[in-house]
Amino acid sequence: MSIRLPSTRALACFHAVASSGSVTRASEQLNMTQGAVSRQLSSLEDQLGVRLFLRQRQRLQLTEAGRQYAERVGDILERLQRATEQLHSLGKHSLKVGVEPALASSWLIPHLEEFYRAHPLIDLQLITDLDKLHPLSTHCDLALLYGDGQWRGASARRLMGETLVAVCSTALLQRHGALENYRDALRFPLVHHSGPWSSSAIWLHRAGCDQQQIARLPGPRLETFGLVLQCAIQGLGLAFLPTYFVLEALARGSLVEASELRLPCEQHYYLVVPRDSSAAPAVTAFGAWVEALPQL
């Protein structure tokens, strides 16, 4: 007849008390009440039919049987812990996700807690270095990129569009007046976005400027929306940024809209998956999760 084995909780309580010599310290280690630990010890002794501790006032002392059992239980619990960690690591996946910095900070990262709850065995490494994202390289298992949907060696699924808004400091708006049309932006000092698919170039093309004219316009040129935003807040010029990226600054009053004009962009955000990683389960899981997120 087989012997019913003690529960791991009872063994963990026994090992903690045997190691620390105190129910109080064991309860702190295990995040349990002292009463719960004491009940586990009593239940274990009843099940084994062996006294494991001598109880002398407020002190517990291992019996000889308890000492021998503690040595074996400690070894068993340690091996069980190692085996569990190894099994857990076998199921974990590390996923390198390329994502444009503005999209990461304003949209993806606020939702990541939901992803980890749904997929606790997938660890994400976010790659936001623009040099590694444009053109898409082997640094990523998949990426969330802005563009025209054409990436060599990869499939691209449209996620959402982008709309630009002209923003500036209150003082700058009072000095130069609101924009009545896209070309009115040329009355302002400008903060230029110089990254791939430049937001300022998109607006200025709509205003009738060609690439050479845009290159001759004065004003700081910065690669990321975050830096463009900070320059605009400091009053250095009019900036053209995605609506989702300026909502907080507008709510705080750090920036104001220079016009009611909006400029929907021809390009969009895409989920871009290199063909050699498209079959990976972690890639599939992340892709499905991203596509289900609310759009900007």
C-alpha atoms as a PDB file:
ATOM      1  CA  MET A   1       0.000   0.000   0.000  1.00  0.00           C
ATOM      2  CA  SER A   2       1.425   3.373  -1.000  1.00  0.00           C
ATOM      3  CA  ILE A   3       1.977   6.055   1.624  1.00  0.00           C
ATOM      4  CA  ARG A   4       0.242   9.376   1.117  1.00  0.00           C
ATOM      5  CA  LEU A   5       2.929  12.013   0.689  1.00  0.00           C
ATOM      6  CA  PRO A   6       2.852  15.312   2.598  1.00  0.00           C
ATOM      7  CA  SER A   7       1.958  18.454   0.705  1.00  0.00           C
ATOM      8  CA  THR A   8       4.751  20.701  -0.515  1.00  0.00           C
ATOM      9  CA  ARG A   9       3.294  23.529   1.595  1.00  0.00           C
ATOM     10  CA  ALA A  10       3.635  21.433   4.749  1.00  0.00           C
ATOM     11  CA  LEU A  11       7.183  20.451   3.804  1.00  0.00           C
ATOM     12  CA  ALA A  12       8.093  24.075   3.034  1.00  0.00           C
ATOM     13  CA  CYS A  13       6.784  25.150   6.448  1.00  0.00           C
ATOM     14  CA  PHE A  14       8.692  22.356   8.177  1.00  0.00           C
ATOM     15  CA  HIS A  15      11.916  23.218   6.327  1.00  0.00           C
ATOM     16  CA  ALA A  16      11.583  26.944   7.073  1.00  0.00           C
ATOM     17  CA  VAL A  17      11.021  26.325  10.799  1.00  0.00           C
ATOM     18  CA  ALA A  18      13.787  23.734  10.972  1.00  0.00           C
ATOM     19  CA  SER A  19      16.234  26.129   9.257  1.00  0.00           C
ATOM     20  CA  SER A  20      15.328  29.239  11.240  1.00  0.00           C
ATOM     21  CA  GLY A  21      14.427  27.631  14.544  1.00  0.00           C
ATOM     22  CA  SER A  22      11.407  29.908  14.798  1.00  0.00           C
ATOM     23  CA  VAL A  23       7.789  29.837  13.670  1.00  0.00           C
ATOM     24  CA  THR A  24       7.837  33.633  13.620  1.00  0.00           C
ATOM     25  CA  ARG A  25      10.789  33.879  11.254  1.00  0.00           C
ATOM     26  CA  ALA A  26       9.429  31.046   9.102  1.00  0.00           C
ATOM     27  CA  SER A  27       6.064  32.791   8.772  1.00  0.00           C
ATOM     28  CA  GLU A  28       7.821  35.966   7.615  1.00  0.00           C
ATOM     29  CA  GLN A  29       9.858  34.048   5.021  1.00  0.00           C
ATOM     30  CA  LEU A  30       6.783  32.260   3.691  1.00  0.00           C
ATOM     31  CA  ASN A  31       4.436  35.254   3.943  1.00  0.00           C
ATOM     32  CA  MET A  32       2.055  33.219   6.104  1.00  0.00           C
ATOM     33  CA  THR A  33       0.581  33.768   9.549  1.00  0.00           C
ATOM     34  CA  GLN A  34       2.228  32.058  12.515  1.00  0.00           C
ATOM     35  CA  GLY A  35      -0.973  30.155  13.158  1.00  0.00           C
ATOM     36  CA  ALA A  36      -1.024  28.793   9.604  1.00  0.00           C
ATOM     37  CA  VAL A  37       2.590  27.633   9.888  1.00  0.00           C
ATOM     38  CA  SER A  38       1.921  25.958  13.237  1.00  0.00           C
ATOM     39  CA  ARG A  39      -1.116  24.153  11.815  1.00  0.00           C
ATOM     40  CA  GLN A  40       0.959  22.844   8.896  1.00  0.00           C
ATOM     41  CA  LEU A  41       3.560  21.479  11.341  1.00  0.00           C
ATOM     42  CA  SER A  42       0.941  19.757  13.483  1.00  0.00           C
ATOM     43  CA  SER A  43      -0.765  18.298  10.402  1.00  0.00           C
ATOM     44  CA  LEU A  44       2.592  17.010   9.120  1.00  0.00           C
ATOM     45  CA  GLU A  45       3.417  15.297  12.408  1.00  0.00           C
ATOM     46  CA  ASP A  46      -0.045  13.742  12.539  1.00  0.00           C
ATOM     47  CA  GLN A  47       0.290  12.441   8.999  1.00  0.00           C
ATOM     48  CA  LEU A  48       3.770  11.002   9.570  1.00  0.00           C
ATOM     49  CA  GLY A  49       2.989   9.703  13.028  1.00  0.00           C
ATOM     50  CA  VAL A  50       6.368  11.015  14.201  1.00  0.00           C
ATOM     51  CA  ARG A  51       7.208  13.883  16.501  1.00  0.00           C
ATOM     52  CA  LEU A  52       9.479  16.295  14.629  1.00  0.00           C
ATOM     53  CA  PHE A  53       9.881  19.001  17.274  1.00  0.00           C
ATOM     54  CA  LEU A  54      10.162  19.217  21.015  1.00  0.00           C
ATOM     55  CA  ARG A  55       8.115  22.174  22.185  1.00  0.00           C
ATOM     56  CA  GLN A  56       9.589  23.895  25.219  1.00  0.00           C
ATOM     57  CA  ARG A  57       7.690  27.057  26.121  1.00  0.00           C
ATOM     58  CA  GLN A  58       8.154  29.373  23.152  1.00  0.00           C
ATOM     59  CA  ARG A  59      10.992  27.385  21.602  1.00  0.00           C
ATOM     60  CA  LEU A  60      11.035  24.546  19.092  1.00  0.00           C
ATOM     61  CA  GLN A  61      13.841  22.014  19.011  1.00  0.00           C
ATOM     62  CA  LEU A  62      14.194  19.298  16.380  1.00  0.00           C
ATOM     63  CA  THR A  63      14.000  15.735  17.542  1.00  0.00           C
ATOM     64  CA  GLU A  64      16.557  13.326  16.097  1.00  0.00           C
ATOM     65  CA  ALA A  65      13.926  12.065  13.655  1.00  0.00           C
ATOM     66  CA  GLY A  66      13.108  15.680  12.789  1.00  0.00           C
ATOM     67  CA  ARG A  67      16.770  16.500  12.177  1.00  0.00           C
ATOM     68  CA  GLN A  68      17.220  13.598   9.771  1.00  0.00           C
ATOM     69  CA  TYR A  69      13.967  14.381   8.010  1.00  0.00           C
ATOM     70  CA  ALA A  70      14.912  18.068   7.683  1.00  0.00           C
ATOM     71  CA  GLU A  71      18.163  17.162   5.884  1.00  0.00           C
ATOM     72  CA  ARG A  72      16.322  15.047   3.339  1.00  0.00           C
ATOM     73  CA  VAL A  73      13.415  17.475   2.910  1.00  0.00           C
ATOM     74  CA  GLY A  74      15.799  20.377   2.306  1.00  0.00           C
ATOM     75  CA  ASP A  75      17.526  18.456  -0.472  1.00  0.00           C
ATOM     76  CA  ILE A  76      14.199  17.408  -2.031  1.00  0.00           C
ATOM     77  CA  LEU A  77      12.799  20.950  -1.984  1.00  0.00           C
ATOM     78  CA  GLU A  78      15.960  22.352  -3.543  1.00  0.00           C
ATOM     79  CA  ARG A  79      15.883  19.792  -6.369  1.00  0.00           C
ATOM     80  CA  LEU A  80      12.180  20.432  -6.893  1.00  0.00           C
ATOM     81  CA  GLN A  81      12.865  24.171  -7.126  1.00  0.00           C
ATOM     82  CA  ARG A  82      15.645  23.640  -9.681  1.00  0.00           C
ATOM     83  CA  ALA A  83      13.517  21.271 -11.747  1.00  0.00           C
ATOM     84  CA  THR A  84      10.613  23.747 -11.760  1.00  0.00           C
ATOM     85  CA  GLU A  85      12.856  26.642 -12.799  1.00  0.00           C
ATOM     86  CA  GLN A  86      14.380  24.559 -15.599  1.00  0.00           C
ATOM     87  CA  LEU A  87      10.950  23.512 -16.854  1.00  0.00           C
ATOM     88  CA  HIS A  88       9.748  27.099 -16.683  1.00  0.00           C
ATOM     89  CA  SER A  89      12.756  28.336 -18.642  1.00  0.00           C
ATOM     90  CA  LEU A  90      12.107  25.754 -21.371  1.00  0.00           C
ATOM     91  CA  GLY A  91       8.747  27.335 -22.023  1.00  0.00           C
ATOM     92  CA  LYS A  92       9.971  30.949 -22.007  1.00  0.00           C
ATOM     93  CA  HIS A  93      10.580  32.874 -25.173  1.00  0.00           C
ATOM     94  CA  SER A  94      12.537  36.061 -25.698  1.00  0.00           C
ATOM     95  CA  LEU A  95      11.111  38.291 -28.406  1.00  0.00           C
ATOM     96  CA  LYS A  96      12.912  41.253 -29.950  1.00  0.00           C
ATOM     97  CA  VAL A  97      10.330  43.842 -30.941  1.00  0.00           C
ATOM     98  CA  GLY A  98      11.387  46.847 -32.977  1.00  0.00           C
ATOM     99  CA  VAL A  99       9.178  49.855 -32.360  1.00  0.00           C
ATOM    100  CA  GLU A 100       9.481  53.541 -33.134  1.00  0.00           C
ATOM    101  CA  PRO A 101      10.241  55.484 -29.914  1.00  0.00           C
ATOM    102  CA  ALA A 102       7.140  57.706 -30.027  1.00  0.00           C
ATOM    103  CA  LEU A 103       4.820  54.754 -30.596  1.00  0.00           C
ATOM    104  CA  ALA A 104       6.524  52.799 -27.809  1.00  0.00           C
ATOM    105  CA  SER A 105       6.164  55.496 -25.160  1.00  0.00           C
ATOM    106  CA  SER A 106       2.690  56.742 -26.068  1.00  0.00           C
ATOM    107  CA  TRP A 107       0.895  53.570 -27.120  1.00  0.00           C
ATOM    108  CA  LEU A 108       2.694  50.243 -26.669  1.00  0.00           C
ATOM    109  CA  ILE A 109       4.247  50.521 -23.205  1.00  0.00           C
ATOM    110  CA  PRO A 110       0.984  51.616 -21.477  1.00  0.00           C
ATOM    111  CA  HIS A 111      -0.535  48.305 -22.623  1.00  0.00           C
ATOM    112  CA  LEU A 112       2.382  45.973 -21.820  1.00  0.00           C
ATOM    113  CA  GLU A 113       1.046  44.921 -18.423  1.00  0.00           C
ATOM    114  CA  GLU A 114      -1.916  43.386 -20.253  1.00  0.00           C
ATOM    115  CA  PHE A 115       0.448  41.487 -22.545  1.00  0.00           C
ATOM    116  CA  TYR A 116       2.504  40.032 -19.686  1.00  0.00           C
ATOM    117  CA  ARG A 117      -0.642  38.923 -17.893  1.00  0.00           C
ATOM    118  CA  ALA A 118      -1.791  37.101 -21.016  1.00  0.00           C
ATOM    119  CA  HIS A 119       1.654  35.755 -21.997  1.00  0.00           C
ATOM    120  CA  PRO A 120       3.826  35.362 -18.866  1.00  0.00           C
ATOM    121  CA  LEU A 121       6.318  33.105 -20.677  1.00  0.00           C
ATOM    122  CA  ILE A 122       7.253  35.683 -23.325  1.00  0.00           C
ATOM    123  CA  ASP A 123       9.947  38.215 -22.450  1.00  0.00           C
ATOM    124  CA  LEU A 124      10.054  41.299 -24.655  1.00  0.00           C
ATOM    125  CA  GLN A 125      13.122  43.273 -25.643  1.00  0.00           C
ATOM    126  CA  LEU A 126      12.078  46.585 -27.185  1.00  0.00           C
ATOM    127  CA  ILE A 127      14.453  47.950 -29.818  1.00  0.00           C
ATOM    128  CA  THR A 128      13.898  51.658 -30.462  1.00  0.00           C
ATOM    129  CA  ASP A 129      17.172  52.574 -32.181  1.00  0.00           C
ATOM    130  CA  LEU A 130      16.070  54.117 -35.485  1.00  0.00           C
ATOM    131  CA  ASP A 131      19.277  53.036 -37.205  1.00  0.00           C
ATOM    132  CA  LYS A 132      18.305  49.418 -36.528  1.00  0.00           C
ATOM    133  CA  LEU A 133      14.699  49.917 -37.581  1.00  0.00           C
ATOM    134  CA  HIS A 134      15.063  51.704 -40.912  1.00  0.00           C
ATOM    135  CA  PRO A 135      15.564  49.722 -43.011  1.00  0.00           C
ATOM    136  CA  LEU A 136      14.313  46.723 -41.056  1.00  0.00           C
ATOM    137  CA  SER A 137      17.260  44.545 -40.078  1.00  0.00           C
ATOM    138  CA  THR A 138      17.905  41.181 -38.467  1.00  0.00           C
ATOM    139  CA  HIS A 139      17.931  42.852 -35.034  1.00  0.00           C
ATOM    140  CA  CYS A 140      14.162  42.267 -34.683  1.00  0.00           C
ATOM    141  CA  ASP A 141      11.841  39.279 -34.635  1.00  0.00           C
ATOM    142  CA  LEU A 142       9.073  41.670 -35.647  1.00  0.00           C
ATOM    143  CA  ALA A 143       8.531  45.413 -35.633  1.00  0.00           C
ATOM    144  CA  LEU A 144       5.915  48.156 -35.389  1.00  0.00           C
ATOM    145  CA  LEU A 145       6.961  50.668 -38.033  1.00  0.00           C
ATOM    146  CA  TYR A 146       5.668  53.716 -39.836  1.00  0.00           C
ATOM    147  CA  GLY A 147       5.896  53.707 -43.598  1.00  0.00           C
ATOM    148  CA  ASP A 148       4.356  52.723 -46.904  1.00  0.00           C
ATOM    149  CA  GLY A 149       3.958  49.025 -46.160  1.00  0.00           C
ATOM    150  CA  GLN A 150       6.931  47.968 -48.291  1.00  0.00           C
ATOM    151  CA  TRP A 151       9.732  46.192 -46.414  1.00  0.00           C
ATOM    152  CA  ARG A 152      12.024  43.825 -48.255  1.00  0.00           C
ATOM    153  CA  GLY A 153      11.918  40.248 -46.964  1.00  0.00           C
ATOM    154  CA  ALA A 154       8.987  40.903 -44.642  1.00  0.00           C
ATOM    155  CA  SER A 155       5.212  40.893 -44.581  1.00  0.00           C
ATOM    156  CA  ALA A 156       3.403  44.029 -43.382  1.00  0.00           C
ATOM    157  CA  ARG A 157      -0.108  44.298 -41.930  1.00  0.00           C
ATOM    158  CA  ARG A 158      -1.632  47.741 -41.457  1.00  0.00           C
ATOM    159  CA  LEU A 159      -2.325  48.662 -37.847  1.00  0.00           C
ATOM    160  CA  MET A 160      -3.516  52.288 -37.926  1.00  0.00           C
ATOM    161  CA  GLY A 161      -3.124  55.628 -39.605  1.00  0.00           C
ATOM    162  CA  GLU A 162      -1.514  58.836 -38.400  1.00  0.00           C
ATOM    163  CA  THR A 163      -2.765  62.422 -38.436  1.00  0.00           C
ATOM    164  CA  LEU A 164      -0.458  65.414 -37.946  1.00  0.00           C
ATOM    165  CA  VAL A 165      -1.267  68.579 -36.021  1.00  0.00           C
ATOM    166  CA  ALA A 166       0.694  71.857 -35.834  1.00  0.00           C
ATOM    167  CA  VAL A 167       1.622  72.805 -32.253  1.00  0.00           C
ATOM    168  CA  CYS A 168       3.676  75.534 -30.581  1.00  0.00           C
ATOM    169  CA  SER A 169       4.018  77.508 -27.372  1.00  0.00           C
ATOM    170  CA  THR A 170       1.318  80.015 -26.417  1.00  0.00           C
ATOM    171  CA  ALA A 171       3.763  82.912 -26.796  1.00  0.00           C
ATOM    172  CA  LEU A 172       4.721  81.836 -30.296  1.00  0.00           C
ATOM    173  CA  LEU A 173       1.086  81.559 -31.359  1.00  0.00           C
ATOM    174  CA  GLN A 174       0.300  85.017 -30.008  1.00  0.00           C
ATOM    175  CA  ARG A 175       3.262  86.454 -31.882  1.00  0.00           C
ATOM    176  CA  HIS A 176       2.581  84.844 -35.272  1.00  0.00           C
ATOM    177  CA  GLY A 177      -1.157  84.155 -35.316  1.00  0.00           C
ATOM    178  CA  ALA A 178      -3.119  81.024 -36.117  1.00  0.00           C
ATOM    179  CA  LEU A 179      -2.589  79.089 -39.346  1.00  0.00           C
ATOM    180  CA  GLU A 180      -5.362  79.548 -41.898  1.00  0.00           C
ATOM    181  CA  ASN A 181      -3.769  77.130 -44.369  1.00  0.00           C
ATOM    182  CA  TYR A 182      -0.807  74.735 -44.511  1.00  0.00           C
ATOM    183  CA  ARG A 183       1.533  77.332 -46.046  1.00  0.00           C
ATOM    184  CA  ASP A 184       0.982  79.748 -43.148  1.00  0.00           C
ATOM    185  CA  ALA A 185       3.425  77.557 -41.228  1.00  0.00           C
ATOM    186  CA  LEU A 186       6.225  79.341 -43.086  1.00  0.00           C
ATOM    187  CA  ARG A 187       5.497  82.472 -41.021  1.00  0.00           C
ATOM    188  CA  PHE A 188       6.796  80.638 -37.956  1.00  0.00           C
ATOM    189  CA  PRO A 189      10.228  79.538 -36.869  1.00  0.00           C
ATOM    190  CA  LEU A 190      10.153  75.754 -37.306  1.00  0.00           C
ATOM    191  CA  VAL A 191      11.302  72.673 -35.421  1.00  0.00           C
ATOM    192  CA  HIS A 192      12.067  69.987 -37.983  1.00  0.00           C
ATOM    193  CA  HIS A 193      11.661  66.244 -37.600  1.00  0.00           C
ATOM    194  CA  SER A 194      14.535  64.649 -39.510  1.00  0.00           C
ATOM    195  CA  GLY A 195      13.799  60.972 -38.974  1.00  0.00           C
ATOM    196  CA  PRO A 196      12.463  58.556 -41.588  1.00  0.00           C
ATOM    197  CA  TRP A 197       9.152  59.790 -43.030  1.00  0.00           C
ATOM    198  CA  SER A 198       9.732  63.248 -41.554  1.00  0.00           C
ATOM    199  CA  SER A 199       6.508  64.692 -40.144  1.00  0.00           C
ATOM    200  CA  SER A 200       7.653  68.256 -40.829  1.00  0.00           C
ATOM    201  CA  ALA A 201       8.554  67.390 -44.435  1.00  0.00           C
ATOM    202  CA  ILE A 202       5.104  65.818 -44.930  1.00  0.00           C
ATOM    203  CA  TRP A 203       3.408  69.033 -43.740  1.00  0.00           C
ATOM    204  CA  LEU A 204       5.727  71.319 -45.727  1.00  0.00           C
ATOM    205  CA  HIS A 205       5.274  69.267 -48.905  1.00  0.00           C
ATOM    206  CA  ARG A 206       1.544  69.804 -48.468  1.00  0.00           C
ATOM    207  CA  ALA A 207       2.322  73.530 -48.107  1.00  0.00           C
ATOM    208  CA  GLY A 208       3.935  73.455 -51.550  1.00  0.00           C
ATOM    209  CA  CYS A 209       7.627  73.269 -50.624  1.00  0.00           C
ATOM    210  CA  ASP A 210       9.973  70.909 -52.445  1.00  0.00           C
ATOM    211  CA  GLN A 211      12.792  69.006 -50.762  1.00  0.00           C
ATOM    212  CA  GLN A 212      15.443  71.630 -51.555  1.00  0.00           C
ATOM    213  CA  GLN A 213      13.320  74.431 -50.149  1.00  0.00           C
ATOM    214  CA  ILE A 214      12.678  72.420 -46.985  1.00  0.00           C
ATOM    215  CA  ALA A 215      16.412  71.771 -46.572  1.00  0.00           C
ATOM    216  CA  ARG A 216      17.103  75.525 -46.673  1.00  0.00           C
ATOM    217  CA  LEU A 217      14.561  76.388 -43.984  1.00  0.00           C
ATOM    218  CA  PRO A 218      16.173  77.353 -40.656  1.00  0.00           C
ATOM    219  CA  GLY A 219      15.447  75.676 -37.341  1.00  0.00           C
ATOM    220  CA  PRO A 220      16.705  72.721 -35.298  1.00  0.00           C
ATOM    221  CA  ARG A 221      16.470  69.251 -36.846  1.00  0.00           C
ATOM    222  CA  LEU A 222      15.885  66.293 -34.558  1.00  0.00           C
ATOM    223  CA  GLU A 223      15.415  62.571 -35.172  1.00  0.00           C
ATOM    224  CA  THR A 224      12.737  61.692 -32.627  1.00  0.00           C
ATOM    225  CA  PHE A 225       9.288  63.070 -31.859  1.00  0.00           C
ATOM    226  CA  GLY A 226      10.249  63.331 -28.197  1.00  0.00           C
ATOM    227  CA  LEU A 227      13.027  65.824 -28.908  1.00  0.00           C
ATOM    228  CA  VAL A 228      10.871  67.748 -31.375  1.00  0.00           C
ATOM    229  CA  LEU A 229       8.185  67.997 -28.687  1.00  0.00           C
ATOM    230  CA  GLN A 230      10.623  69.346 -26.091  1.00  0.00           C
ATOM    231  CA  CYS A 231      11.931  72.015 -28.486  1.00  0.00           C
ATOM    232  CA  ALA A 232       8.381  73.100 -29.269  1.00  0.00           C
ATOM    233  CA  ILE A 233       7.560  73.328 -25.548  1.00  0.00           C
ATOM    234  CA  GLN A 234      10.615  75.548 -25.066  1.00  0.00           C
ATOM    235  CA  GLY A 235       9.262  77.928 -27.702  1.00  0.00           C
ATOM    236  CA  LEU A 236      11.892  77.189 -30.353  1.00  0.00           C
ATOM    237  CA  GLY A 237       9.380  76.851 -33.145  1.00  0.00           C
ATOM    238  CA  LEU A 238       6.252  75.370 -34.670  1.00  0.00           C
ATOM    239  CA  ALA A 239       6.266  71.558 -34.762  1.00  0.00           C
ATOM    240  CA  PHE A 240       4.220  69.027 -36.709  1.00  0.00           C
ATOM    241  CA  LEU A 241       3.516  65.935 -34.656  1.00  0.00           C
ATOM    242  CA  PRO A 242       1.024  63.041 -34.507  1.00  0.00           C
ATOM    243  CA  THR A 243      -2.109  63.927 -32.593  1.00  0.00           C
ATOM    244  CA  TYR A 244      -1.666  60.998 -30.186  1.00  0.00           C
ATOM    245  CA  PHE A 245       1.804  62.226 -29.232  1.00  0.00           C
ATOM    246  CA  VAL A 246       0.782  65.753 -28.197  1.00  0.00           C
ATOM    247  CA  LEU A 247      -2.393  65.028 -26.216  1.00  0.00           C
ATOM    248  CA  GLU A 248      -0.698  65.198 -22.827  1.00  0.00           C
ATOM    249  CA  ALA A 249       1.220  68.412 -23.632  1.00  0.00           C
ATOM    250  CA  LEU A 250      -1.986  70.020 -24.895  1.00  0.00           C
ATOM    251  CA  ALA A 251      -3.881  68.948 -21.775  1.00  0.00           C
ATOM    252  CA  ARG A 252      -1.170  70.456 -19.546  1.00  0.00           C
ATOM    253  CA  GLY A 253      -1.074  73.660 -21.563  1.00  0.00           C
ATOM    254  CA  SER A 254       2.606  73.188 -22.421  1.00  0.00           C
ATOM    255  CA  LEU A 255       1.624  73.462 -26.072  1.00  0.00           C
ATOM    256  CA  VAL A 256      -1.334  74.815 -27.999  1.00  0.00           C
ATOM    257  CA  GLU A 257      -2.669  73.981 -31.421  1.00  0.00           C
ATOM    258  CA  ALA A 258      -1.683  76.576 -33.986  1.00  0.00           C
ATOM    259  CA  SER A 259      -4.612  75.689 -36.232  1.00  0.00           C
ATOM    260  CA  GLU A 260      -7.702  73.564 -36.586  1.00  0.00           C
ATOM    261  CA  LEU A 261      -6.039  72.051 -39.640  1.00  0.00           C
ATOM    262  CA  ARG A 262      -5.229  68.340 -39.583  1.00  0.00           C
ATOM    263  CA  LEU A 263      -3.116  66.443 -42.058  1.00  0.00           C
ATOM    264  CA  PRO A 264      -3.938  62.727 -42.489  1.00  0.00           C
ATOM    265  CA  CYS A 265      -0.785  61.001 -43.694  1.00  0.00           C
ATOM    266  CA  GLU A 266      -0.558  58.670 -46.656  1.00  0.00           C
ATOM    267  CA  GLN A 267       1.714  56.385 -44.644  1.00  0.00           C
ATOM    268  CA  HIS A 268       0.527  54.200 -41.759  1.00  0.00           C
ATOM    269  CA  TYR A 269       1.808  52.145 -38.841  1.00  0.00           C
ATOM    270  CA  TYR A 270       2.371  48.506 -39.755  1.00  0.00           C
ATOM    271  CA  LEU A 271       3.080  45.235 -38.011  1.00  0.00           C
ATOM    272  CA  VAL A 272       6.171  44.094 -39.916  1.00  0.00           C
ATOM    273  CA  VAL A 273       7.278  40.458 -39.652  1.00  0.00           C
ATOM    274  CA  PRO A 274      10.462  39.171 -41.340  1.00  0.00           C
ATOM    275  CA  ARG A 275       9.629  36.051 -43.318  1.00  0.00           C
ATOM    276  CA  ASP A 276      12.169  33.894 -41.467  1.00  0.00           C
ATOM    277  CA  SER A 277      10.453  34.535 -38.097  1.00  0.00           C
ATOM    278  CA  SER A 278       6.806  34.538 -39.173  1.00  0.00           C
ATOM    279  CA  ALA A 279       6.135  30.969 -37.996  1.00  0.00           C
ATOM    280  CA  ALA A 280       7.487  31.425 -34.439  1.00  0.00           C
ATOM    281  CA  PRO A 281       4.682  30.948 -31.852  1.00  0.00           C
ATOM    282  CA  ALA A 282       5.823  33.955 -29.799  1.00  0.00           C
ATOM    283  CA  VAL A 283       5.757  36.164 -32.906  1.00  0.00           C
ATOM    284  CA  THR A 284       2.261  34.953 -33.738  1.00  0.00           C
ATOM    285  CA  ALA A 285       1.072  35.574 -30.166  1.00  0.00           C
ATOM    286  CA  PHE A 286       2.488  39.086 -29.991  1.00  0.00           C
ATOM    287  CA  GLY A 287       1.188  39.969 -33.444  1.00  0.00           C
ATOM    288  CA  ALA A 288      -2.344  38.855 -32.602  1.00  0.00           C
ATOM    289  CA  TRP A 289      -2.242  40.799 -29.322  1.00  0.00           C
ATOM    290  CA  VAL A 290      -1.012  44.007 -30.988  1.00  0.00           C
ATOM    291  CA  GLU A 291      -3.658  43.836 -33.693  1.00  0.00           C
ATOM    292  CA  ALA A 292      -6.379  43.568 -31.038  1.00  0.00           C
ATOM    293  CA  LEU A 293      -5.243  46.729 -29.203  1.00  0.00           C
ATOM    294  CA  PRO A 294      -7.344  49.910 -29.507  1.00  0.00           C
ATOM    295  CA  GLN A 295      -6.073  52.183 -32.247  1.00  0.00           C
ATOM    296  CA  LEU A 296      -4.682  55.637 -31.606  1.00  0.00           C
END
